[in-house]
C-alpha atoms as a PDB file:
ATOM      1  CA  UNK A   1     -15.458  10.258   1.463  1.00  0.00           C
ATOM      2  CA  UNK A   2     -12.912   9.102   4.034  1.00  0.00           C
ATOM      3  CA  UNK A   3     -10.749   6.102   3.088  1.00  0.00           C
ATOM      4  CA  UNK A   4      -8.764   3.898   5.434  1.00  0.00           C
ATOM      5  CA  UNK A   5      -5.804   1.862   4.216  1.00  0.00           C
ATOM      6  CA  UNK A   6      -4.215  -0.794   6.393  1.00  0.00           C
ATOM      7  CA  UNK A   7      -2.303  -4.045   6.145  1.00  0.00           C
ATOM      8  CA  UNK A   8      -4.165  -7.212   7.095  1.00  0.00           C
ATOM      9  CA  UNK A   9      -1.680  -9.113   9.274  1.00  0.00           C
ATOM     10  CA  UNK A  10      -3.869 -12.229   9.285  1.00  0.00           C
ATOM     11  CA  UNK A  11      -3.597 -12.474   5.492  1.00  0.00           C
ATOM     12  CA  UNK A  12       0.184 -12.017   5.714  1.00  0.00           C
ATOM     13  CA  UNK A  13       0.422 -14.920   8.186  1.00  0.00           C
ATOM     14  CA  UNK A  14      -1.888 -17.053   6.045  1.00  0.00           C
ATOM     15  CA  UNK A  15       0.154 -16.327   2.920  1.00  0.00           C
ATOM     16  CA  UNK A  16       3.381 -17.192   4.740  1.00  0.00           C
ATOM     17  CA  UNK A  17       1.965 -20.418   6.153  1.00  0.00           C
ATOM     18  CA  UNK A  18       0.300 -21.683   2.960  1.00  0.00           C
ATOM     19  CA  UNK A  19       2.420 -20.136   0.198  1.00  0.00           C
ATOM     20  CA  UNK A  20      -0.622 -18.219  -1.071  1.00  0.00           C
ATOM     21  CA  UNK A  21      -0.212 -14.732  -2.530  1.00  0.00           C
ATOM     22  CA  UNK A  22      -3.517 -13.122  -1.566  1.00  0.00           C
ATOM     23  CA  UNK A  23      -3.458  -9.306  -1.478  1.00  0.00           C
ATOM     24  CA  UNK A  24      -2.987  -7.886   2.032  1.00  0.00           C
ATOM     25  CA  UNK A  25      -3.573  -4.144   1.571  1.00  0.00           C
ATOM     26  CA  UNK A  26      -7.111  -3.283   2.659  1.00  0.00           C
ATOM     27  CA  UNK A  27      -8.729  -0.114   1.289  1.00  0.00           C
ATOM     28  CA  UNK A  28     -11.910   0.621   3.234  1.00  0.00           C
ATOM     29  CA  UNK A  29     -14.609   3.247   3.025  1.00  0.00           C
ATOM     30  CA  UNK A  30     -18.310   3.265   3.847  1.00  0.00           C
ATOM     31  CA  UNK A  31     -19.146   1.619   0.499  1.00  0.00           C
ATOM     32  CA  UNK A  32     -16.553  -1.149   0.124  1.00  0.00           C
ATOM     33  CA  UNK A  33     -13.524  -3.031   1.370  1.00  0.00           C
ATOM     34  CA  UNK A  34     -11.100  -3.665  -1.495  1.00  0.00           C
ATOM     35  CA  UNK A  35      -7.901  -5.685  -1.269  1.00  0.00           C
ATOM     36  CA  UNK A  36      -4.802  -5.019  -3.359  1.00  0.00           C
ATOM     37  CA  UNK A  37      -1.105  -5.866  -3.639  1.00  0.00           C
ATOM     38  CA  UNK A  38      -0.326  -2.169  -4.205  1.00  0.00           C
ATOM     39  CA  UNK A  39      -2.278   1.069  -3.945  1.00  0.00           C
ATOM     40  CA  UNK A  40      -1.713   4.692  -4.832  1.00  0.00           C
ATOM     41  CA  UNK A  41      -3.115   7.554  -2.742  1.00  0.00           C
ATOM     42  CA  UNK A  42      -3.896  10.482  -5.033  1.00  0.00           C
ATOM     43  CA  UNK A  43      -3.532  13.319  -2.554  1.00  0.00           C
ATOM     44  CA  UNK A  44      -2.878  14.186   1.085  1.00  0.00           C
ATOM     45  CA  UNK A  45      -3.089  11.517   3.749  1.00  0.00           C
ATOM     46  CA  UNK A  46      -2.036  10.873   7.317  1.00  0.00           C
ATOM     47  CA  UNK A  47      -0.766   7.805   9.170  1.00  0.00           C
ATOM     48  CA  UNK A  48      -2.552   7.042  12.444  1.00  0.00           C
ATOM     49  CA  UNK A  49      -1.372   4.846  15.338  1.00  0.00           C
ATOM     50  CA  UNK A  50      -4.157   4.300  17.836  1.00  0.00           C
ATOM     51  CA  UNK A  51      -3.409   1.351  20.153  1.00  0.00           C
ATOM     52  CA  UNK A  52      -6.235   2.191  22.569  1.00  0.00           C
ATOM     53  CA  UNK A  53      -8.925   2.835  19.953  1.00  0.00           C
ATOM     54  CA  UNK A  54      -8.411   0.537  16.958  1.00  0.00           C
ATOM     55  CA  UNK A  55     -10.635   0.424  13.898  1.00  0.00           C
ATOM     56  CA  UNK A  56     -13.561  -2.023  13.998  1.00  0.00           C
ATOM     57  CA  UNK A  57     -11.459  -4.520  12.032  1.00  0.00           C
ATOM     58  CA  UNK A  58      -8.818  -4.414  14.791  1.00  0.00           C
ATOM     59  CA  UNK A  59      -6.200  -2.338  12.957  1.00  0.00           C
ATOM     60  CA  UNK A  60      -4.143  -0.142  15.273  1.00  0.00           C
ATOM     61  CA  UNK A  61      -2.109   1.529  12.493  1.00  0.00           C
ATOM     62  CA  UNK A  62      -3.675   2.825   9.276  1.00  0.00           C
ATOM     63  CA  UNK A  63      -3.554   5.548   6.657  1.00  0.00           C
ATOM     64  CA  UNK A  64      -6.489   7.960   6.586  1.00  0.00           C
ATOM     65  CA  UNK A  65      -7.337  10.104   3.564  1.00  0.00           C
ATOM     66  CA  UNK A  66     -10.161  11.960   1.865  1.00  0.00           C
ATOM     67  CA  UNK A  67      -8.255  11.495  -1.398  1.00  0.00           C
ATOM     68  CA  UNK A  68      -8.955   8.767  -3.925  1.00  0.00           C
ATOM     69  CA  UNK A  69      -7.111   5.493  -3.293  1.00  0.00           C
ATOM     70  CA  UNK A  70      -6.471   3.472  -6.431  1.00  0.00           C
ATOM     71  CA  UNK A  71      -5.774  -0.261  -6.123  1.00  0.00           C
ATOM     72  CA  UNK A  72      -3.014  -1.204  -8.582  1.00  0.00           C
ATOM     73  CA  UNK A  73      -2.744  -4.503 -10.436  1.00  0.00           C
ATOM     74  CA  UNK A  74      -0.506  -7.243  -9.032  1.00  0.00           C
ATOM     75  CA  UNK A  75       2.825  -6.669 -10.802  1.00  0.00           C
ATOM     76  CA  UNK A  76       3.830 -10.339 -10.487  1.00  0.00           C
ATOM     77  CA  UNK A  77       0.699 -11.342 -12.397  1.00  0.00           C
ATOM     78  CA  UNK A  78       1.540  -9.008 -15.275  1.00  0.00           C
ATOM     79  CA  UNK A  79       3.613 -10.161 -18.224  1.00  0.00           C
ATOM     80  CA  UNK A  80       7.253  -9.460 -17.462  1.00  0.00           C
ATOM     81  CA  UNK A  81       7.060 -10.188 -13.726  1.00  0.00           C
ATOM     82  CA  UNK A  82       8.216  -7.699 -11.115  1.00  0.00           C
ATOM     83  CA  UNK A  83      10.648  -5.638 -13.195  1.00  0.00           C
ATOM     84  CA  UNK A  84      10.168  -2.319 -11.420  1.00  0.00           C
ATOM     85  CA  UNK A  85      13.782  -1.214 -11.502  1.00  0.00           C
ATOM     86  CA  UNK A  86      14.271  -1.810  -7.781  1.00  0.00           C
ATOM     87  CA  UNK A  87      16.819  -4.309  -6.413  1.00  0.00           C
END
């Protein structure tokens, strides 16, 4: 089943304006639309830029894959915060 992953810019703007921390990564397929703070693509994928033919949601840039896409838990909500070893 084909999956589409894109970033919801409206949620980013809303989060910035209100201080909310809603997930902005949208993982769509024909069965569901799942939001996450992080996601892992378990196989090959491709990035598509299509300014003249966006997805129905309006996205003009997205990742397309037949591989499984796994939404990951919000690291900031886990005990220990965002200690991922990155600066």
